[in-house]
């Protein structure tokens, strides 16, 4: 029962990850940074639940290794995208209105 529920959660997170990346691609400039941060958080949740599935022996060494490689690549892409967006987003002027 637990492994089945965990599998469903992981499936939902994979689906949500694809959705968040697609949404970020189409988001307006002012909403992209928030959207990519959500994608980053979702990826962290996905990694957490996959690790839990591995520890419960719901997935084996080969499966976790293959998934880890792919998720690391996705994480690097999201991190680069987030960094690029953060550099493009103007920061508020310090001392404004003082």
C-alpha atoms as a PDB file:
ATOM      1  CA  UNK A   1       0.000   0.000   0.000  1.00  0.00           C
ATOM      2  CA  UNK A   2       2.754   2.462   0.983  1.00  0.00           C
ATOM      3  CA  UNK A   3       4.841   1.691  -2.115  1.00  0.00           C
ATOM      4  CA  UNK A   4       1.773   2.168  -4.328  1.00  0.00           C
ATOM      5  CA  UNK A   5       0.976   5.539  -2.726  1.00  0.00           C
ATOM      6  CA  UNK A   6       4.612   6.574  -3.024  1.00  0.00           C
ATOM      7  CA  UNK A   7       4.609   5.587  -6.690  1.00  0.00           C
ATOM      8  CA  UNK A   8       1.516   7.713  -7.282  1.00  0.00           C
ATOM      9  CA  UNK A   9       3.152  10.681  -5.527  1.00  0.00           C
ATOM     10  CA  UNK A  10       6.292  10.336  -7.663  1.00  0.00           C
ATOM     11  CA  UNK A  11       4.183  10.115 -10.835  1.00  0.00           C
ATOM     12  CA  UNK A  12       2.327  13.280  -9.817  1.00  0.00           C
ATOM     13  CA  UNK A  13       5.604  15.095  -9.164  1.00  0.00           C
ATOM     14  CA  UNK A  14       7.034  14.067 -12.560  1.00  0.00           C
ATOM     15  CA  UNK A  15       3.871  15.329 -14.261  1.00  0.00           C
ATOM     16  CA  UNK A  16       3.940  18.551 -12.231  1.00  0.00           C
ATOM     17  CA  UNK A  17       7.616  19.065 -13.151  1.00  0.00           C
ATOM     18  CA  UNK A  18       6.852  18.942 -16.866  1.00  0.00           C
ATOM     19  CA  UNK A  19       3.904  21.279 -16.311  1.00  0.00           C
ATOM     20  CA  UNK A  20       5.972  23.815 -14.341  1.00  0.00           C
ATOM     21  CA  UNK A  21       8.736  23.897 -16.946  1.00  0.00           C
ATOM     22  CA  UNK A  22       6.181  24.442 -19.704  1.00  0.00           C
ATOM     23  CA  UNK A  23       4.414  27.164 -17.700  1.00  0.00           C
ATOM     24  CA  UNK A  24       7.738  28.890 -17.035  1.00  0.00           C
ATOM     25  CA  UNK A  25       8.549  28.901 -20.738  1.00  0.00           C
ATOM     26  CA  UNK A  26       5.310  30.704 -21.515  1.00  0.00           C
ATOM     27  CA  UNK A  27       5.188  32.966 -18.441  1.00  0.00           C
ATOM     28  CA  UNK A  28       5.543  36.720 -18.761  1.00  0.00           C
ATOM     29  CA  UNK A  29       8.910  38.167 -17.738  1.00  0.00           C
ATOM     30  CA  UNK A  30       7.623  39.332 -14.352  1.00  0.00           C
ATOM     31  CA  UNK A  31       6.346  35.824 -13.485  1.00  0.00           C
ATOM     32  CA  UNK A  32       9.173  33.669 -14.870  1.00  0.00           C
ATOM     33  CA  UNK A  33      11.430  33.848 -11.797  1.00  0.00           C
ATOM     34  CA  UNK A  34       8.634  32.761  -9.457  1.00  0.00           C
ATOM     35  CA  UNK A  35       7.639  29.960 -11.820  1.00  0.00           C
ATOM     36  CA  UNK A  36      11.191  28.627 -12.126  1.00  0.00           C
ATOM     37  CA  UNK A  37      11.562  28.708  -8.331  1.00  0.00           C
ATOM     38  CA  UNK A  38       8.436  26.531  -8.113  1.00  0.00           C
ATOM     39  CA  UNK A  39       9.963  24.133 -10.653  1.00  0.00           C
ATOM     40  CA  UNK A  40      13.143  23.985  -8.576  1.00  0.00           C
ATOM     41  CA  UNK A  41      11.201  23.223  -5.388  1.00  0.00           C
ATOM     42  CA  UNK A  42       9.170  20.543  -7.167  1.00  0.00           C
ATOM     43  CA  UNK A  43      12.383  18.942  -8.421  1.00  0.00           C
ATOM     44  CA  UNK A  44      13.722  18.812  -4.868  1.00  0.00           C
ATOM     45  CA  UNK A  45      10.497  17.145  -3.723  1.00  0.00           C
ATOM     46  CA  UNK A  46      10.770  14.637  -6.553  1.00  0.00           C
ATOM     47  CA  UNK A  47      14.354  13.761  -5.582  1.00  0.00           C
ATOM     48  CA  UNK A  48      13.286  13.360  -1.948  1.00  0.00           C
ATOM     49  CA  UNK A  49      10.461  10.962  -2.745  1.00  0.00           C
ATOM     50  CA  UNK A  50      12.631   8.989  -5.171  1.00  0.00           C
ATOM     51  CA  UNK A  51      15.237   8.584  -2.436  1.00  0.00           C
ATOM     52  CA  UNK A  52      12.496   7.403  -0.106  1.00  0.00           C
ATOM     53  CA  UNK A  53      11.342   4.876  -2.719  1.00  0.00           C
ATOM     54  CA  UNK A  54      14.916   3.633  -3.060  1.00  0.00           C
ATOM     55  CA  UNK A  55      15.306   3.233   0.703  1.00  0.00           C
ATOM     56  CA  UNK A  56      12.032   1.302   0.826  1.00  0.00           C
ATOM     57  CA  UNK A  57      13.353  -0.898  -1.999  1.00  0.00           C
ATOM     58  CA  UNK A  58      10.541   0.165  -4.319  1.00  0.00           C
ATOM     59  CA  UNK A  59      13.190   0.998  -6.944  1.00  0.00           C
ATOM     60  CA  UNK A  60      16.586  -0.623  -7.417  1.00  0.00           C
ATOM     61  CA  UNK A  61      20.150   0.725  -7.719  1.00  0.00           C
ATOM     62  CA  UNK A  62      20.089   0.885 -11.517  1.00  0.00           C
ATOM     63  CA  UNK A  63      16.781   2.761 -11.576  1.00  0.00           C
ATOM     64  CA  UNK A  64      17.863   5.339  -8.974  1.00  0.00           C
ATOM     65  CA  UNK A  65      21.203   5.807 -10.759  1.00  0.00           C
ATOM     66  CA  UNK A  66      19.548   6.442 -14.128  1.00  0.00           C
ATOM     67  CA  UNK A  67      16.976   8.771 -12.607  1.00  0.00           C
ATOM     68  CA  UNK A  68      19.655  10.630 -10.654  1.00  0.00           C
ATOM     69  CA  UNK A  69      21.657  11.347 -13.808  1.00  0.00           C
ATOM     70  CA  UNK A  70      18.617  12.719 -15.616  1.00  0.00           C
ATOM     71  CA  UNK A  71      17.370  14.727 -12.641  1.00  0.00           C
ATOM     72  CA  UNK A  72      20.825  16.229 -12.106  1.00  0.00           C
ATOM     73  CA  UNK A  73      20.798  17.438 -15.712  1.00  0.00           C
ATOM     74  CA  UNK A  74      17.326  18.908 -15.259  1.00  0.00           C
ATOM     75  CA  UNK A  75      18.433  20.545 -12.010  1.00  0.00           C
ATOM     76  CA  UNK A  76      21.456  22.096 -13.715  1.00  0.00           C
ATOM     77  CA  UNK A  77      19.241  23.487 -16.476  1.00  0.00           C
ATOM     78  CA  UNK A  78      16.736  24.884 -13.992  1.00  0.00           C
ATOM     79  CA  UNK A  79      19.539  26.374 -11.889  1.00  0.00           C
ATOM     80  CA  UNK A  80      21.066  28.055 -14.931  1.00  0.00           C
ATOM     81  CA  UNK A  81      17.692  29.384 -16.017  1.00  0.00           C
ATOM     82  CA  UNK A  82      17.011  30.669 -12.502  1.00  0.00           C
ATOM     83  CA  UNK A  83      20.410  32.378 -12.329  1.00  0.00           C
ATOM     84  CA  UNK A  84      19.875  34.006 -15.729  1.00  0.00           C
ATOM     85  CA  UNK A  85      16.437  35.261 -14.692  1.00  0.00           C
ATOM     86  CA  UNK A  86      17.742  36.538 -11.344  1.00  0.00           C
ATOM     87  CA  UNK A  87      20.461  38.512 -13.154  1.00  0.00           C
ATOM     88  CA  UNK A  88      17.878  40.034 -15.515  1.00  0.00           C
ATOM     89  CA  UNK A  89      15.485  41.015 -12.730  1.00  0.00           C
ATOM     90  CA  UNK A  90      16.208  44.526 -11.493  1.00  0.00           C
ATOM     91  CA  UNK A  91      16.682  44.718  -7.754  1.00  0.00           C
ATOM     92  CA  UNK A  92      14.887  47.444  -5.782  1.00  0.00           C
ATOM     93  CA  UNK A  93      16.942  50.564  -5.181  1.00  0.00           C
ATOM     94  CA  UNK A  94      18.290  50.623  -1.684  1.00  0.00           C
ATOM     95  CA  UNK A  95      17.503  53.717   0.276  1.00  0.00           C
ATOM     96  CA  UNK A  96      14.652  54.744  -2.032  1.00  0.00           C
ATOM     97  CA  UNK A  97      12.193  57.054  -0.330  1.00  0.00           C
ATOM     98  CA  UNK A  98      14.575  57.905   2.504  1.00  0.00           C
END
